[in-house]
Each structure stands twice: as structure tokens, then as C-alpha cells.
Amino acid sequence: MTAAAHSLWAAPAPRVFTISPSEPFAARLAGALAASLPQPIEPLAWADALILLPTRRAAKDFAAALLAARPGNGGGATAILPRLAALGDLEDESLETIALYGGAAPMGREIAPLARRLALAACLQREGAVDDFRRGLSLAGDLASVIDLAHQYGPVDWAALTPFLAERDFAEHWRTAGAALSLLNEAWPATLAAHGWVEPQAAHAARARALAQAWETRPPDFPLIIAGSTGSQPATRALMRAAAFAPQGAVILPGLDLDLDEKAWAAIGPEHPQAALRATLAALGIERSAVRPLPGG
């Protein structure tokens, strides 16, 4: 598919569009892409495109919407569906691209969930954070969730948090939490290194950043669309930036409020429904005024 074949690419980069919250996202996006197909239909028009969506469910729903919306659905020529993937399932795509374009892929083996919980429990007991292994297992599950969140949303200075908890007269469970955070700062990274393990979310974030860097270094020669994500995670924002600036790339945001006045937009706090979108636009260096409703459909 050539860059001139779709009105999305007619706009200068960065290309960021939005779909109104009053419209069904999957159906609206599918309608826009189906409407872009040249007439008579070229079956391979979108075959080389890659469309990334927030989750597997979102990708499945969009595939169904695209099948329903594409021309020729009632008979005659039909177009082959684009490649669809969830942003959390980029392993094959990212490793292939990183190998082709260059970049630093994460090293080590991803630790399995059960192995991590057992290792965390043993580490907690060894470091004196808990009295017995059973209690360590219980705390390890919560600690694993904290670790995942930390890798998803950015680095956390565990060393800075530990004294805050240790120096205050908190209840016993808070002192246990302080000991657990201290473990995350030293003992747990050492355990991972000793076994050659990598945290799953850390590996995913590293792959996403390496893929984004590869796309920026050598922009993809196929249509690349990231749709439906608010960009709440830094690694996702890196991918969105690469897509927005790609020659045949675009980002489709869900439900950005284009009618909110500038004073209210500037005053948005972290609890506001538009907060994640505002933070993403700021991280991408894109003004809200540069975002347009998705054309077509």
C-alpha cells in the first residue's frame, strides 16, 4: 500500500487522531479503514499493515468489526485483513524487527510466575522480612504485583522509600512492607542476576523500547497504526511516538475531548478521565490542537 492511498497519510507527521467516546471505537476504526480501500478493491491493499491495539480482546473485536465493514462482504472481491496484535503481545514482532534493524533486546530468561513467587518467598525469609516460608508466599504474591507495576509505569527508587517506612512508628505490617522494599533494592536484583532471570514486565518494556528505537532508526515501509491505547505506560508511549512520526504511521486515541476549553484542559488533575491522554500528548510533544477526528468511515 502506498502512502498516498489513504487520507491518514495525507496529513503531515506526527499523525494523531481520535475517535469520539460517543462512537463505538472498533466499528468506527474499521469503517474508516474499509472506506479507504481503492475501487475496484485491491485485495492486498491492507495486507502488509500492522495495527496494534491495547489487548487481545480489543484486537479480536476489531477483527470482527473489520470483517463486517470491509467492502465485498456480501460477495465479490474482498481485502485481506491487516496484521493485528495486542500491545502486550509484541514478542515475535519486536524480536524480528530488532534483529533486522538493530537494537538492544533484553538479555536473560523471563522468570515464570510460580518460580518468581517461590524465589521471592525464599528471599523474604532469608532476609528476615518474614518468620516462615508460608507467610513469605503470601507476601510474595503482593510483592510480585508491586514489581510489575513498577516496571510498567517507570523506575522506582526503592532505596528512597525504605527509610521512610523504617523510621516511622508504623504498625507491624508496614514494617514488614519496609523490609520487603529493602529486599527489592538489593537482595532481589542479586537473586535475579545470579539465576540469569529477567522480570517479565521489565523484559516487555525493554522489547517495546527497542522496537520503538528500531522503527525510529529505520521507519517501517508498511502502514503502522496504534489504536485505542491511552498511552499510560512509558514503553507504550515510545511505540506511539514512533508510529506517529512514521511515513505511513498514525496513532488513534480513544475519546480525546477536543471540545474542552484550554483553561480546563490545563487544570486537569491525575484523577480526571482525560489525565492519561493529556500526559501522553505531553510526552509525545504534541498539542491537543494538532489532534484531529479520524477521517473516513
Protein backbone atom coordinates (compact mmCIF):
# COMPACT_ATOMS: atom_id res chain seq x y z
CA MET A 1 0.00 0.00 0.00
CA THR A 2 1.41 3.40 -0.94
CA ALA A 3 1.44 6.38 1.39
CA ALA A 4 -0.90 8.26 -0.95
CA ALA A 5 -3.54 5.56 -0.82
CA HIS A 6 -5.10 6.69 2.45
CA SER A 7 -6.16 10.09 3.74
CA LEU A 8 -4.48 9.30 7.05
CA TRP A 9 -1.07 9.71 5.44
CA ALA A 10 -2.04 12.96 3.70
CA ALA A 11 -1.57 14.80 6.99
CA PRO A 12 1.98 15.75 7.98
CA ALA A 13 3.66 13.87 10.81
CA PRO A 14 3.11 13.47 13.65
CA ARG A 15 -0.29 11.96 12.82
CA VAL A 16 -2.52 11.65 15.85
CA PHE A 17 -6.28 11.25 15.52
CA THR A 18 -9.11 10.47 17.89
CA ILE A 19 -12.46 8.74 17.88
CA SER A 20 -15.25 10.35 19.86
CA PRO A 21 -16.38 8.50 23.00
CA SER A 22 -19.91 8.63 21.60
CA GLU A 23 -18.87 6.33 18.73
CA PRO A 24 -18.13 2.59 19.00
CA PHE A 25 -14.34 2.55 18.68
CA ALA A 26 -13.81 -0.73 16.82
CA ALA A 27 -16.66 -0.15 14.35
CA ARG A 28 -15.59 3.44 13.68
CA LEU A 29 -11.96 2.49 13.06
CA ALA A 30 -12.98 -0.47 10.89
CA GLY A 31 -15.30 1.75 8.85
CA ALA A 32 -12.53 4.29 8.27
CA LEU A 33 -10.09 1.64 7.06
CA ALA A 34 -12.69 -0.10 4.89
CA ALA A 35 -13.65 3.21 3.30
CA SER A 36 -10.01 3.78 2.38
CA LEU A 37 -9.82 0.73 0.12
CA PRO A 38 -9.46 1.70 -3.54
CA GLN A 39 -12.18 0.81 -6.01
CA PRO A 40 -12.14 -1.66 -7.58
CA ILE A 41 -10.97 -3.41 -4.44
CA GLU A 42 -7.30 -4.37 -4.24
CA PRO A 43 -7.24 -7.49 -2.03
CA LEU A 44 -3.70 -6.80 -0.77
CA ALA A 45 -4.25 -3.10 -0.03
CA TRP A 46 -4.00 -3.55 3.75
CA ALA A 47 -2.29 -6.95 3.89
CA ASP A 48 1.08 -5.58 4.97
CA ALA A 49 -0.31 -3.16 7.57
CA LEU A 50 0.29 -3.67 11.29
CA ILE A 51 -2.38 -2.45 13.71
CA LEU A 52 -1.63 -2.58 17.43
CA LEU A 53 -4.47 -2.49 19.95
CA PRO A 54 -4.47 -2.42 23.77
CA THR A 55 -5.49 -6.03 24.44
CA ARG A 56 -6.15 -9.35 22.74
CA ARG A 57 -9.87 -8.80 23.26
CA ALA A 58 -9.65 -5.40 21.56
CA ALA A 59 -7.79 -6.99 18.63
CA LYS A 60 -10.42 -9.73 18.36
CA ASP A 61 -13.28 -7.21 18.46
CA PHE A 62 -11.60 -5.06 15.83
CA ALA A 63 -11.04 -8.05 13.54
CA ALA A 64 -14.75 -8.85 13.73
CA ALA A 65 -15.66 -5.22 13.06
CA LEU A 66 -13.30 -5.07 10.10
CA LEU A 67 -14.76 -8.24 8.60
CA ALA A 68 -18.24 -6.77 8.91
CA ALA A 69 -17.24 -3.39 7.47
CA ARG A 70 -15.00 -4.32 4.56
CA PRO A 71 -16.36 -3.90 1.03
CA GLY A 72 -17.29 -7.13 -0.70
CA ASN A 73 -18.66 -8.59 2.50
CA GLY A 74 -21.78 -9.59 0.61
CA GLY A 75 -19.87 -11.23 -2.22
CA GLY A 76 -17.24 -10.46 -4.81
CA ALA A 77 -13.70 -9.29 -4.13
CA THR A 78 -12.58 -8.86 -0.54
CA ALA A 79 -9.45 -7.43 1.02
CA ILE A 80 -7.08 -9.46 3.18
CA LEU A 81 -7.06 -8.34 6.80
CA PRO A 82 -4.06 -6.44 8.17
CA ARG A 83 -1.83 -7.92 10.85
CA LEU A 84 -3.41 -7.34 14.26
CA ALA A 85 -1.64 -7.62 17.60
CA ALA A 86 -2.07 -6.61 21.22
CA LEU A 87 0.46 -4.18 22.65
CA GLY A 88 1.20 -6.75 25.34
CA ASP A 89 2.00 -9.48 22.78
CA LEU A 90 4.80 -7.95 20.77
CA GLU A 91 7.44 -10.59 21.36
CA ASP A 92 7.57 -12.07 17.84
CA GLU A 93 7.12 -8.72 16.09
CA SER A 94 9.67 -6.90 18.23
CA LEU A 95 12.39 -9.55 18.21
CA GLU A 96 12.10 -9.94 14.43
CA THR A 97 12.32 -6.18 13.88
CA ILE A 98 15.10 -5.67 16.44
CA ALA A 99 17.14 -8.40 14.77
CA LEU A 100 16.55 -6.81 11.35
CA TYR A 101 17.12 -3.16 12.25
CA GLY A 102 19.45 -3.50 15.21
CA GLY A 103 18.85 -2.58 18.82
CA ALA A 104 19.33 -3.85 22.33
CA ALA A 105 17.00 -6.72 23.10
CA PRO A 106 16.62 -7.74 26.75
CA MET A 107 19.04 -10.40 27.95
CA GLY A 108 18.22 -13.33 30.20
CA ARG A 109 15.28 -15.66 30.74
CA GLU A 110 11.91 -14.34 31.85
CA ILE A 111 11.15 -15.79 35.25
CA ALA A 112 7.92 -17.79 35.37
CA PRO A 113 5.18 -16.59 37.76
CA LEU A 114 5.36 -19.59 40.10
CA ALA A 115 9.16 -19.62 40.13
CA ARG A 116 9.16 -15.91 40.96
CA ARG A 117 6.73 -16.31 43.84
CA LEU A 118 8.74 -19.18 45.32
CA ALA A 119 12.02 -17.30 44.90
CA LEU A 120 10.56 -14.13 46.42
CA ALA A 121 9.21 -16.08 49.39
CA ALA A 122 12.60 -17.69 49.98
CA CYS A 123 14.29 -14.33 49.65
CA LEU A 124 11.89 -12.72 52.13
CA GLN A 125 12.56 -15.44 54.69
CA ARG A 126 16.32 -15.36 54.12
CA GLU A 127 16.44 -11.58 54.59
CA GLY A 128 14.36 -11.72 57.76
CA ALA A 129 11.32 -9.91 56.37
CA VAL A 130 9.07 -12.83 57.43
CA ASP A 131 9.34 -15.56 60.03
CA ASP A 132 8.27 -18.52 57.93
CA PHE A 133 8.02 -19.59 54.30
CA ARG A 134 4.22 -19.78 54.29
CA ARG A 135 3.92 -16.12 55.26
CA GLY A 136 6.58 -15.34 52.69
CA LEU A 137 4.48 -16.99 49.98
CA SER A 138 1.51 -14.82 50.91
CA LEU A 139 3.55 -11.61 50.82
CA ALA A 140 5.40 -12.67 47.65
CA GLY A 141 2.20 -12.52 45.59
CA ASP A 142 1.57 -8.91 46.58
CA LEU A 143 5.22 -8.05 46.10
CA ALA A 144 5.20 -9.50 42.58
CA SER A 145 2.27 -7.23 41.69
CA VAL A 146 4.18 -4.21 43.02
CA ILE A 147 7.22 -5.20 40.95
CA ASP A 148 5.10 -5.50 37.79
CA LEU A 149 3.54 -2.07 38.33
CA ALA A 150 6.96 -0.53 38.90
CA HIS A 151 8.28 -1.89 35.61
CA GLN A 152 5.12 -0.89 33.73
CA TYR A 153 4.97 2.72 34.86
CA GLY A 154 8.60 3.64 35.36
CA PRO A 155 11.59 3.04 37.61
CA VAL A 156 11.02 3.28 41.35
CA ASP A 157 13.72 4.29 43.82
CA TRP A 158 13.16 1.57 46.41
CA ALA A 159 16.10 2.84 48.45
CA ALA A 160 14.36 6.19 48.93
CA LEU A 161 11.14 4.55 50.14
CA THR A 162 12.73 2.16 52.62
CA PRO A 163 13.94 4.75 55.19
CA PHE A 164 10.54 6.46 55.07
CA LEU A 165 8.86 3.28 56.31
CA ALA A 166 11.64 2.18 58.65
CA GLU A 167 11.95 5.49 60.57
CA ARG A 168 8.27 5.83 61.45
CA ASP A 169 6.23 4.15 64.14
CA PHE A 170 4.01 2.23 61.76
CA ALA A 171 2.09 -0.91 62.52
CA GLU A 172 3.80 -4.27 62.10
CA HIS A 173 2.51 -4.84 58.56
CA TRP A 174 4.06 -1.53 57.47
CA ARG A 175 7.41 -2.50 59.00
CA THR A 176 7.17 -5.76 57.07
CA ALA A 177 6.47 -3.73 53.93
CA GLY A 178 9.58 -1.66 54.63
CA ALA A 179 11.68 -4.81 54.89
CA ALA A 180 10.18 -6.07 51.63
CA LEU A 181 11.03 -2.82 49.84
CA SER A 182 14.57 -3.04 51.16
CA LEU A 183 14.75 -6.51 49.64
CA LEU A 184 13.69 -5.13 46.24
CA ASN A 185 16.57 -2.68 46.34
CA GLU A 186 19.38 -5.20 46.84
CA ALA A 187 18.64 -8.85 47.59
CA TRP A 188 16.07 -9.46 44.85
CA PRO A 189 18.11 -7.92 41.99
CA ALA A 190 21.05 -10.04 43.15
CA THR A 191 18.86 -13.16 43.09
CA LEU A 192 17.69 -12.38 39.56
CA ALA A 193 21.24 -11.80 38.38
CA ALA A 194 22.53 -14.98 39.98
CA HIS A 195 20.00 -17.09 38.05
CA GLY A 196 20.07 -15.09 34.82
CA TRP A 197 16.41 -14.15 35.26
CA VAL A 198 14.58 -11.09 33.93
CA GLU A 199 11.31 -9.70 35.29
CA PRO A 200 8.52 -10.28 32.71
CA GLN A 201 7.30 -6.67 32.69
CA ALA A 202 10.88 -5.38 32.53
CA ALA A 203 11.51 -7.61 29.51
CA HIS A 204 8.31 -6.43 27.82
CA ALA A 205 9.17 -2.76 28.40
CA ALA A 206 12.70 -3.30 27.10
CA ARG A 207 11.39 -5.00 23.96
CA ALA A 208 8.88 -2.22 23.36
CA ARG A 209 11.53 0.48 23.71
CA ALA A 210 13.96 -1.41 21.48
CA LEU A 211 11.22 -1.86 18.87
CA ALA A 212 10.37 1.85 19.02
CA GLN A 213 14.04 2.73 18.61
CA ALA A 214 14.33 0.36 15.65
CA TRP A 215 11.29 1.95 13.99
CA GLU A 216 12.70 5.44 14.55
CA THR A 217 16.12 4.45 13.20
CA ARG A 218 14.65 2.79 10.13
CA PRO A 219 10.97 3.75 9.70
CA PRO A 220 8.78 0.83 8.62
CA ASP A 221 7.80 0.67 4.95
CA PHE A 222 4.29 -0.55 5.79
CA PRO A 223 1.23 1.13 7.35
CA LEU A 224 1.62 1.18 11.14
CA ILE A 225 -1.29 2.15 13.39
CA ILE A 226 -1.56 2.13 17.17
CA ALA A 227 -5.21 2.44 18.10
CA GLY A 228 -7.24 2.50 21.30
CA SER A 229 -4.43 2.98 23.80
CA THR A 230 -4.31 5.92 26.22
CA GLY A 231 -0.53 5.52 26.44
CA SER A 232 -0.46 5.22 30.20
CA GLN A 233 2.80 3.25 30.19
CA PRO A 234 6.10 4.89 29.14
CA ALA A 235 7.07 1.98 26.88
CA THR A 236 3.75 2.25 25.05
CA ARG A 237 4.32 5.98 24.57
CA ALA A 238 7.66 5.21 22.92
CA LEU A 239 5.88 2.97 20.41
CA MET A 240 3.18 5.60 19.85
CA ARG A 241 5.78 8.25 19.12
CA ALA A 242 7.48 6.00 16.55
CA ALA A 243 4.12 5.29 14.89
CA ALA A 244 3.01 8.93 14.86
CA PHE A 245 6.17 10.01 13.03
CA ALA A 246 6.44 7.02 10.64
CA PRO A 247 5.88 7.75 6.91
CA GLN A 248 2.73 5.57 6.93
CA GLY A 249 2.08 5.72 10.64
CA ALA A 250 -0.74 7.02 12.80
CA VAL A 251 -1.97 6.94 16.38
CA ILE A 252 -5.71 6.77 17.07
CA LEU A 253 -6.57 7.89 20.60
CA PRO A 254 -9.79 6.78 22.29
CA GLY A 255 -12.14 9.57 23.31
CA LEU A 256 -9.89 12.62 23.48
CA ASP A 257 -12.03 15.62 24.45
CA LEU A 258 -11.41 18.17 21.71
CA ASP A 259 -14.16 20.48 22.98
CA LEU A 260 -12.81 21.10 26.49
CA ASP A 261 -11.62 24.70 26.78
CA GLU A 262 -7.90 25.32 27.21
CA LYS A 263 -8.17 26.57 30.79
CA ALA A 264 -9.99 23.42 31.88
CA TRP A 265 -7.57 21.26 29.87
CA ALA A 266 -4.57 22.83 31.59
CA ALA A 267 -6.15 22.29 35.01
CA ILE A 268 -6.73 18.55 34.55
CA GLY A 269 -5.59 16.60 37.61
CA PRO A 270 -4.48 12.97 37.93
CA GLU A 271 -8.00 11.74 38.74
CA HIS A 272 -9.59 13.29 35.64
CA PRO A 273 -10.76 10.87 32.90
CA GLN A 274 -8.61 12.76 30.37
CA ALA A 275 -5.47 12.75 32.54
CA ALA A 276 -3.77 9.80 30.83
CA LEU A 277 -4.40 11.22 27.36
CA ARG A 278 -3.13 14.64 28.43
CA ALA A 279 0.05 13.08 29.85
CA THR A 280 0.56 11.04 26.69
CA LEU A 281 0.25 14.06 24.40
CA ALA A 282 2.71 15.94 26.60
CA ALA A 283 5.16 13.03 26.47
CA LEU A 284 4.84 12.87 22.68
CA GLY A 285 5.34 16.62 22.39
CA ILE A 286 2.02 17.05 20.60
CA GLU A 287 -0.52 19.78 21.30
CA ARG A 288 -4.15 18.77 21.64
CA SER A 289 -4.98 21.28 18.90
CA ALA A 290 -2.94 19.15 16.48
CA VAL A 291 -5.17 16.11 17.05
CA ARG A 292 -7.98 15.64 14.53
CA PRO A 293 -11.07 13.42 14.42
CA LEU A 294 -10.36 10.23 12.49
CA PRO A 295 -11.23 10.84 8.82
CA GLY A 296 -13.28 8.44 6.72
CA GLY A 297 -15.89 5.96 7.73
